[in-house]
Amino acid sequence: MPWRLVALASAATFLMGATPVARLDVGIDKVRSAKGLLRVCLTADPANFPACVDDADAVTRSIPASDRTISFDGLPRGNYAVAVIHDENGNAKLDTFAGIPKEGFGFSRNPAIGFGPPRFAAARFTLDGDAAAQNIRLRYIL
């Protein structure tokens, strides 16, 4: 009987020290064509949003534009933001004309868009349960 108590106490100690992980499902709406790729960036670093360029912990994925959902498993709980571009010509960047995007873009929480991308705080959401979902509406200016 005492060995059962020791095993139970050890298991409880291990589980309390484990980092809780969660799943995020992202749905992407208003994609104007199935051409190219949807490039998705998930970050918890406000300084690297929306590009995720210098963020070693960012998760970036590319999926065919015909797919409209993507899932991220095993995420630590916390604050995140998602940016999506519709790279219609597959050149791995958001094409612009005079600084205006020629391809689609969108962000978690679908914040209002002014001049330039929104700040991290406008797109931020908290992942605090076992699973969460974000639906991102793409926007096309040109």
N, C-alpha and C. Protein backbone atom coordinates (compact mmCIF):
# COMPACT_ATOMS: atom_id res chain seq x y z
N MET A 1 0.81 -1.20 0.00
CA MET A 1 0.00 0.00 0.00
C MET A 1 0.86 1.28 0.00
N PRO A 2 1.94 1.36 0.80
CA PRO A 2 2.75 2.58 0.80
C PRO A 2 3.36 2.88 -0.56
N TRP A 3 3.71 1.85 -1.33
CA TRP A 3 4.31 2.11 -2.64
C TRP A 3 3.31 2.79 -3.58
N ARG A 4 2.00 2.52 -3.40
CA ARG A 4 0.98 3.18 -4.20
C ARG A 4 0.92 4.67 -3.89
N LEU A 5 1.04 5.01 -2.61
CA LEU A 5 1.06 6.42 -2.22
C LEU A 5 2.26 7.14 -2.80
N VAL A 6 3.43 6.49 -2.77
CA VAL A 6 4.63 7.08 -3.33
C VAL A 6 4.46 7.29 -4.83
N ALA A 7 3.92 6.31 -5.54
CA ALA A 7 3.71 6.42 -6.99
C ALA A 7 2.72 7.54 -7.30
N LEU A 8 1.65 7.63 -6.53
CA LEU A 8 0.64 8.67 -6.74
C LEU A 8 1.24 10.05 -6.47
N ALA A 9 2.01 10.20 -5.42
CA ALA A 9 2.64 11.48 -5.10
C ALA A 9 3.64 11.87 -6.18
N SER A 10 4.40 10.91 -6.68
CA SER A 10 5.36 11.19 -7.75
C SER A 10 4.66 11.64 -9.02
N ALA A 11 3.57 10.96 -9.37
CA ALA A 11 2.81 11.33 -10.57
C ALA A 11 2.21 12.73 -10.42
N ALA A 12 1.68 13.05 -9.26
CA ALA A 12 1.09 14.37 -9.04
C ALA A 12 2.15 15.46 -9.13
N THR A 13 3.32 15.21 -8.58
CA THR A 13 4.41 16.18 -8.64
C THR A 13 4.85 16.40 -10.08
N PHE A 14 4.95 15.32 -10.85
CA PHE A 14 5.35 15.43 -12.25
C PHE A 14 4.32 16.23 -13.04
N LEU A 15 3.06 15.95 -12.87
CA LEU A 15 2.01 16.63 -13.62
C LEU A 15 1.90 18.10 -13.25
N MET A 16 2.12 18.45 -12.00
CA MET A 16 2.04 19.84 -11.59
C MET A 16 3.18 20.65 -12.20
N GLY A 17 4.32 20.02 -12.44
CA GLY A 17 5.46 20.73 -13.00
C GLY A 17 5.44 20.78 -14.53
N ALA A 18 4.54 20.02 -15.16
CA ALA A 18 4.47 19.99 -16.62
C ALA A 18 3.85 21.28 -17.15
N THR A 19 4.35 21.72 -18.29
CA THR A 19 3.81 22.91 -18.93
C THR A 19 2.51 22.55 -19.63
N PRO A 20 1.42 23.24 -19.32
CA PRO A 20 0.17 22.94 -20.01
C PRO A 20 0.29 23.30 -21.48
N VAL A 21 -0.24 22.46 -22.33
CA VAL A 21 -0.19 22.72 -23.77
C VAL A 21 -1.61 22.77 -24.32
N ALA A 22 -1.73 23.44 -25.44
CA ALA A 22 -3.05 23.64 -26.02
C ALA A 22 -2.97 23.50 -27.54
N ARG A 23 -4.14 23.49 -28.15
CA ARG A 23 -4.29 23.40 -29.60
C ARG A 23 -4.99 24.65 -30.09
N LEU A 24 -4.54 25.17 -31.22
CA LEU A 24 -5.18 26.32 -31.85
C LEU A 24 -5.59 25.92 -33.26
N ASP A 25 -6.87 26.10 -33.56
CA ASP A 25 -7.40 25.88 -34.90
C ASP A 25 -7.67 27.24 -35.53
N VAL A 26 -7.11 27.46 -36.72
CA VAL A 26 -7.29 28.72 -37.43
C VAL A 26 -8.06 28.46 -38.71
N GLY A 27 -9.19 29.15 -38.85
CA GLY A 27 -9.97 29.11 -40.08
C GLY A 27 -9.73 30.38 -40.85
N ILE A 28 -9.62 30.27 -42.17
CA ILE A 28 -9.33 31.44 -43.01
C ILE A 28 -10.47 31.61 -44.00
N ASP A 29 -11.13 32.77 -43.94
CA ASP A 29 -12.30 33.06 -44.76
C ASP A 29 -11.99 34.13 -45.80
N LYS A 30 -12.86 34.22 -46.80
CA LYS A 30 -12.81 35.27 -47.84
C LYS A 30 -11.55 35.19 -48.70
N VAL A 31 -11.06 33.97 -48.95
CA VAL A 31 -9.92 33.77 -49.84
C VAL A 31 -10.44 33.88 -51.27
N ARG A 32 -9.88 34.78 -52.08
CA ARG A 32 -10.48 35.06 -53.38
C ARG A 32 -10.18 34.03 -54.46
N SER A 33 -9.14 33.22 -54.27
CA SER A 33 -8.85 32.17 -55.26
C SER A 33 -8.08 31.05 -54.58
N ALA A 34 -8.00 29.93 -55.28
CA ALA A 34 -7.25 28.78 -54.78
C ALA A 34 -5.81 28.79 -55.29
N LYS A 35 -5.40 29.87 -55.94
CA LYS A 35 -4.04 29.98 -56.46
C LYS A 35 -3.06 30.27 -55.33
N GLY A 36 -1.88 29.69 -55.43
CA GLY A 36 -0.80 30.02 -54.50
C GLY A 36 -0.92 29.38 -53.14
N LEU A 37 -0.37 30.08 -52.16
CA LEU A 37 -0.27 29.56 -50.79
C LEU A 37 -0.84 30.55 -49.79
N LEU A 38 -1.29 30.03 -48.66
CA LEU A 38 -1.61 30.85 -47.50
C LEU A 38 -0.42 30.71 -46.56
N ARG A 39 0.23 31.81 -46.26
CA ARG A 39 1.39 31.80 -45.37
C ARG A 39 0.94 32.32 -44.01
N VAL A 40 1.13 31.48 -43.00
CA VAL A 40 0.60 31.75 -41.66
C VAL A 40 1.76 31.91 -40.68
N CYS A 41 1.67 32.95 -39.86
CA CYS A 41 2.68 33.21 -38.84
C CYS A 41 1.98 33.32 -37.49
N LEU A 42 2.39 32.51 -36.54
CA LEU A 42 1.87 32.54 -35.17
C LEU A 42 3.00 32.96 -34.26
N THR A 43 2.81 34.03 -33.51
CA THR A 43 3.87 34.51 -32.63
C THR A 43 3.32 34.98 -31.29
N ALA A 44 4.17 34.94 -30.30
CA ALA A 44 3.85 35.48 -28.99
C ALA A 44 4.71 36.72 -28.70
N ASP A 45 5.51 37.14 -29.68
CA ASP A 45 6.45 38.24 -29.51
C ASP A 45 5.94 39.50 -30.20
N PRO A 46 5.49 40.50 -29.44
CA PRO A 46 4.98 41.73 -30.05
C PRO A 46 5.98 42.43 -30.96
N ALA A 47 7.27 42.32 -30.67
CA ALA A 47 8.28 43.00 -31.47
C ALA A 47 8.44 42.38 -32.86
N ASN A 48 8.01 41.16 -33.04
CA ASN A 48 8.16 40.48 -34.31
C ASN A 48 6.84 40.22 -35.03
N PHE A 49 5.81 40.91 -34.63
CA PHE A 49 4.51 40.78 -35.30
C PHE A 49 4.37 41.90 -36.31
N PRO A 50 3.92 41.69 -37.49
CA PRO A 50 3.37 40.45 -38.03
C PRO A 50 4.35 39.61 -38.84
N ALA A 51 5.58 40.03 -39.00
CA ALA A 51 6.49 39.36 -39.92
C ALA A 51 7.13 38.07 -39.38
N CYS A 52 7.31 37.96 -38.08
CA CYS A 52 7.93 36.78 -37.46
C CYS A 52 9.36 36.55 -37.96
N VAL A 53 10.04 37.58 -38.40
CA VAL A 53 11.35 37.44 -39.01
C VAL A 53 12.43 37.04 -38.00
N ASP A 54 12.51 37.73 -36.89
CA ASP A 54 13.57 37.47 -35.91
C ASP A 54 13.07 36.74 -34.68
N ASP A 55 12.00 36.00 -34.81
CA ASP A 55 11.39 35.31 -33.68
C ASP A 55 11.65 33.82 -33.79
N ALA A 56 12.62 33.34 -33.02
CA ALA A 56 12.98 31.92 -33.06
C ALA A 56 11.83 31.03 -32.59
N ASP A 57 10.90 31.57 -31.78
CA ASP A 57 9.80 30.77 -31.26
C ASP A 57 8.54 30.87 -32.11
N ALA A 58 8.56 31.68 -33.16
CA ALA A 58 7.38 31.81 -34.02
C ALA A 58 7.16 30.50 -34.77
N VAL A 59 5.90 30.24 -35.07
CA VAL A 59 5.55 29.08 -35.87
C VAL A 59 5.04 29.61 -37.20
N THR A 60 5.72 29.24 -38.27
CA THR A 60 5.30 29.66 -39.60
C THR A 60 4.98 28.42 -40.42
N ARG A 61 3.91 28.52 -41.18
CA ARG A 61 3.49 27.41 -42.03
C ARG A 61 2.95 27.97 -43.33
N SER A 62 3.07 27.19 -44.37
CA SER A 62 2.46 27.50 -45.65
C SER A 62 1.57 26.33 -46.04
N ILE A 63 0.35 26.67 -46.46
CA ILE A 63 -0.60 25.65 -46.88
C ILE A 63 -1.18 26.06 -48.23
N PRO A 64 -1.64 25.11 -49.02
CA PRO A 64 -2.27 25.49 -50.29
C PRO A 64 -3.46 26.42 -50.03
N ALA A 65 -3.65 27.38 -50.93
CA ALA A 65 -4.75 28.33 -50.76
C ALA A 65 -6.11 27.66 -50.84
N SER A 66 -6.16 26.46 -51.37
CA SER A 66 -7.42 25.73 -51.41
C SER A 66 -7.80 25.18 -50.03
N ASP A 67 -6.82 25.03 -49.14
CA ASP A 67 -7.09 24.64 -47.76
C ASP A 67 -7.48 25.90 -47.00
N ARG A 68 -8.42 25.79 -46.11
CA ARG A 68 -8.88 26.99 -45.40
C ARG A 68 -8.74 26.86 -43.89
N THR A 69 -8.08 25.79 -43.44
CA THR A 69 -7.88 25.61 -42.01
C THR A 69 -6.46 25.10 -41.75
N ILE A 70 -5.97 25.45 -40.59
CA ILE A 70 -4.67 24.96 -40.14
C ILE A 70 -4.73 24.83 -38.62
N SER A 71 -4.05 23.84 -38.09
CA SER A 71 -4.03 23.62 -36.64
C SER A 71 -2.60 23.65 -36.12
N PHE A 72 -2.47 24.16 -34.92
CA PHE A 72 -1.19 24.20 -34.21
C PHE A 72 -1.39 23.43 -32.91
N ASP A 73 -0.62 22.37 -32.73
CA ASP A 73 -0.73 21.54 -31.53
C ASP A 73 0.47 21.77 -30.62
N GLY A 74 0.29 21.50 -29.33
CA GLY A 74 1.39 21.56 -28.37
C GLY A 74 1.87 22.95 -28.03
N LEU A 75 1.00 23.93 -28.12
CA LEU A 75 1.39 25.31 -27.80
C LEU A 75 1.34 25.57 -26.30
N PRO A 76 2.34 26.25 -25.76
CA PRO A 76 2.23 26.68 -24.36
C PRO A 76 1.10 27.71 -24.25
N ARG A 77 0.44 27.73 -23.16
CA ARG A 77 -0.62 28.72 -22.96
C ARG A 77 0.00 30.11 -22.85
N GLY A 78 -0.73 31.11 -23.32
CA GLY A 78 -0.22 32.47 -23.29
C GLY A 78 -0.90 33.34 -24.32
N ASN A 79 -0.31 34.50 -24.59
CA ASN A 79 -0.84 35.46 -25.56
C ASN A 79 -0.16 35.26 -26.90
N TYR A 80 -0.97 35.27 -27.95
CA TYR A 80 -0.48 35.07 -29.31
C TYR A 80 -1.18 36.02 -30.27
N ALA A 81 -0.62 36.12 -31.47
CA ALA A 81 -1.27 36.80 -32.58
C ALA A 81 -0.92 36.02 -33.85
N VAL A 82 -1.85 36.04 -34.81
CA VAL A 82 -1.66 35.33 -36.06
C VAL A 82 -1.74 36.33 -37.22
N ALA A 83 -0.85 36.18 -38.18
CA ALA A 83 -0.90 36.95 -39.42
C ALA A 83 -0.94 35.96 -40.58
N VAL A 84 -1.74 36.28 -41.59
CA VAL A 84 -1.87 35.42 -42.77
C VAL A 84 -1.73 36.28 -44.01
N ILE A 85 -0.98 35.80 -45.00
CA ILE A 85 -0.99 36.44 -46.31
C ILE A 85 -1.36 35.38 -47.35
N HIS A 86 -2.06 35.82 -48.38
CA HIS A 86 -2.40 34.96 -49.50
C HIS A 86 -1.37 35.23 -50.59
N ASP A 87 -0.35 34.42 -50.63
CA ASP A 87 0.74 34.55 -51.58
C ASP A 87 0.30 33.89 -52.89
N GLU A 88 -0.48 34.63 -53.66
CA GLU A 88 -1.09 34.07 -54.87
C GLU A 88 -0.08 33.64 -55.91
N ASN A 89 1.04 34.32 -56.02
CA ASN A 89 2.02 33.96 -57.04
C ASN A 89 3.16 33.09 -56.48
N GLY A 90 3.11 32.75 -55.20
CA GLY A 90 4.08 31.83 -54.62
C GLY A 90 5.51 32.34 -54.53
N ASN A 91 5.70 33.65 -54.43
CA ASN A 91 7.06 34.19 -54.36
C ASN A 91 7.53 34.43 -52.92
N ALA A 92 6.82 33.91 -51.94
CA ALA A 92 7.20 33.94 -50.52
C ALA A 92 7.23 35.33 -49.91
N LYS A 93 6.42 36.26 -50.46
CA LYS A 93 6.33 37.59 -49.86
C LYS A 93 4.98 38.21 -50.20
N LEU A 94 4.62 39.24 -49.47
CA LEU A 94 3.40 40.00 -49.74
C LEU A 94 3.75 41.06 -50.78
N ASP A 95 3.24 40.91 -51.98
CA ASP A 95 3.51 41.87 -53.04
C ASP A 95 2.73 43.15 -52.79
N THR A 96 3.39 44.29 -53.08
CA THR A 96 2.76 45.59 -52.89
C THR A 96 2.96 46.46 -54.13
N PHE A 97 2.14 47.48 -54.25
CA PHE A 97 2.30 48.51 -55.26
C PHE A 97 2.18 49.85 -54.54
N ALA A 98 3.26 50.62 -54.55
CA ALA A 98 3.31 51.90 -53.83
C ALA A 98 2.95 51.73 -52.35
N GLY A 99 3.39 50.60 -51.77
CA GLY A 99 3.15 50.34 -50.36
C GLY A 99 1.79 49.74 -50.04
N ILE A 100 0.95 49.56 -51.06
CA ILE A 100 -0.39 49.00 -50.87
C ILE A 100 -0.35 47.52 -51.24
N PRO A 101 -0.81 46.63 -50.34
CA PRO A 101 -0.77 45.19 -50.65
C PRO A 101 -1.60 44.84 -51.88
N LYS A 102 -0.98 44.04 -52.78
CA LYS A 102 -1.68 43.53 -53.96
C LYS A 102 -2.26 42.15 -53.70
N GLU A 103 -1.86 41.53 -52.60
CA GLU A 103 -2.34 40.20 -52.24
C GLU A 103 -3.12 40.30 -50.93
N GLY A 104 -3.86 39.25 -50.62
CA GLY A 104 -4.70 39.26 -49.43
C GLY A 104 -3.90 39.12 -48.14
N PHE A 105 -4.48 39.65 -47.07
CA PHE A 105 -3.85 39.57 -45.76
C PHE A 105 -4.95 39.56 -44.70
N GLY A 106 -4.60 39.06 -43.52
CA GLY A 106 -5.54 39.05 -42.41
C GLY A 106 -4.83 38.78 -41.11
N PHE A 107 -5.54 39.06 -40.01
CA PHE A 107 -4.94 38.93 -38.68
C PHE A 107 -5.96 38.35 -37.71
N SER A 108 -5.46 37.71 -36.67
CA SER A 108 -6.34 37.20 -35.63
C SER A 108 -7.17 38.35 -35.06
N ARG A 109 -8.36 38.04 -34.65
CA ARG A 109 -9.35 38.98 -34.10
C ARG A 109 -9.85 39.99 -35.13
N ASN A 110 -9.39 39.90 -36.39
CA ASN A 110 -9.85 40.76 -37.48
C ASN A 110 -9.92 42.24 -37.10
N PRO A 111 -8.80 42.82 -36.66
CA PRO A 111 -8.82 44.23 -36.24
C PRO A 111 -9.03 45.17 -37.42
N ALA A 112 -9.45 46.38 -37.12
CA ALA A 112 -9.58 47.42 -38.14
C ALA A 112 -8.19 47.69 -38.73
N ILE A 113 -8.17 47.96 -40.02
CA ILE A 113 -6.91 48.21 -40.71
C ILE A 113 -6.84 49.67 -41.11
N GLY A 114 -5.75 50.32 -40.73
CA GLY A 114 -5.50 51.71 -41.14
C GLY A 114 -4.34 51.71 -42.10
N PHE A 115 -3.38 52.55 -41.86
CA PHE A 115 -2.16 52.58 -42.65
C PHE A 115 -1.17 51.62 -42.00
N GLY A 116 -0.84 50.56 -42.68
CA GLY A 116 0.07 49.56 -42.15
C GLY A 116 -0.66 48.50 -41.35
N PRO A 117 0.08 47.49 -40.94
CA PRO A 117 -0.53 46.39 -40.18
C PRO A 117 -0.92 46.82 -38.78
N PRO A 118 -1.83 46.08 -38.16
CA PRO A 118 -2.21 46.42 -36.78
C PRO A 118 -1.08 46.08 -35.81
N ARG A 119 -1.15 46.66 -34.65
CA ARG A 119 -0.20 46.33 -33.59
C ARG A 119 -0.55 44.96 -33.01
N PHE A 120 0.41 44.35 -32.36
CA PHE A 120 0.23 43.05 -31.73
C PHE A 120 -0.99 43.07 -30.81
N ALA A 121 -1.15 44.13 -30.03
CA ALA A 121 -2.24 44.22 -29.06
C ALA A 121 -3.61 44.12 -29.74
N ALA A 122 -3.74 44.62 -30.95
CA ALA A 122 -5.03 44.58 -31.65
C ALA A 122 -5.36 43.17 -32.15
N ALA A 123 -4.36 42.36 -32.41
CA ALA A 123 -4.56 41.01 -32.92
C ALA A 123 -4.38 39.95 -31.84
N ARG A 124 -4.00 40.35 -30.66
CA ARG A 124 -3.68 39.42 -29.57
C ARG A 124 -4.91 38.70 -29.04
N PHE A 125 -4.72 37.42 -28.77
CA PHE A 125 -5.73 36.61 -28.09
C PHE A 125 -5.00 35.75 -27.08
N THR A 126 -5.72 35.27 -26.09
CA THR A 126 -5.12 34.46 -25.03
C THR A 126 -5.52 33.01 -25.22
N LEU A 127 -4.52 32.17 -25.24
CA LEU A 127 -4.72 30.73 -25.31
C LEU A 127 -4.59 30.23 -23.88
N ASP A 128 -5.73 30.00 -23.22
CA ASP A 128 -5.68 29.64 -21.81
C ASP A 128 -6.40 28.34 -21.48
N GLY A 129 -6.94 27.68 -22.47
CA GLY A 129 -7.59 26.39 -22.25
C GLY A 129 -6.89 25.31 -23.05
N ASP A 130 -7.56 24.18 -23.18
CA ASP A 130 -6.98 23.07 -23.93
C ASP A 130 -7.03 23.30 -25.43
N ALA A 131 -8.03 24.08 -25.89
CA ALA A 131 -8.18 24.33 -27.31
C ALA A 131 -8.83 25.69 -27.53
N ALA A 132 -8.50 26.29 -28.66
CA ALA A 132 -9.09 27.58 -29.02
C ALA A 132 -9.18 27.64 -30.54
N ALA A 133 -9.96 28.60 -31.02
CA ALA A 133 -10.11 28.78 -32.46
C ALA A 133 -10.07 30.26 -32.80
N GLN A 134 -9.53 30.57 -33.94
CA GLN A 134 -9.53 31.92 -34.49
C GLN A 134 -10.01 31.82 -35.94
N ASN A 135 -10.93 32.69 -36.32
CA ASN A 135 -11.36 32.78 -37.72
C ASN A 135 -10.86 34.10 -38.26
N ILE A 136 -10.04 34.00 -39.31
CA ILE A 136 -9.41 35.17 -39.89
C ILE A 136 -10.02 35.46 -41.25
N ARG A 137 -10.45 36.68 -41.44
CA ARG A 137 -11.04 37.13 -42.69
C ARG A 137 -9.96 37.85 -43.51
N LEU A 138 -9.66 37.31 -44.69
CA LEU A 138 -8.67 37.97 -45.54
C LEU A 138 -9.27 39.22 -46.17
N ARG A 139 -8.41 40.18 -46.44
CA ARG A 139 -8.80 41.44 -47.07
C ARG A 139 -7.92 41.66 -48.29
N TYR A 140 -8.52 42.17 -49.32
CA TYR A 140 -7.82 42.48 -50.57
C TYR A 140 -8.08 43.93 -50.89
N ILE A 141 -7.03 44.70 -51.12
CA ILE A 141 -7.18 46.12 -51.42
C ILE A 141 -7.11 46.35 -52.92
N LEU A 142 -6.17 45.70 -53.59
CA LEU A 142 -6.03 45.84 -55.05
C LEU A 142 -6.44 44.57 -55.75
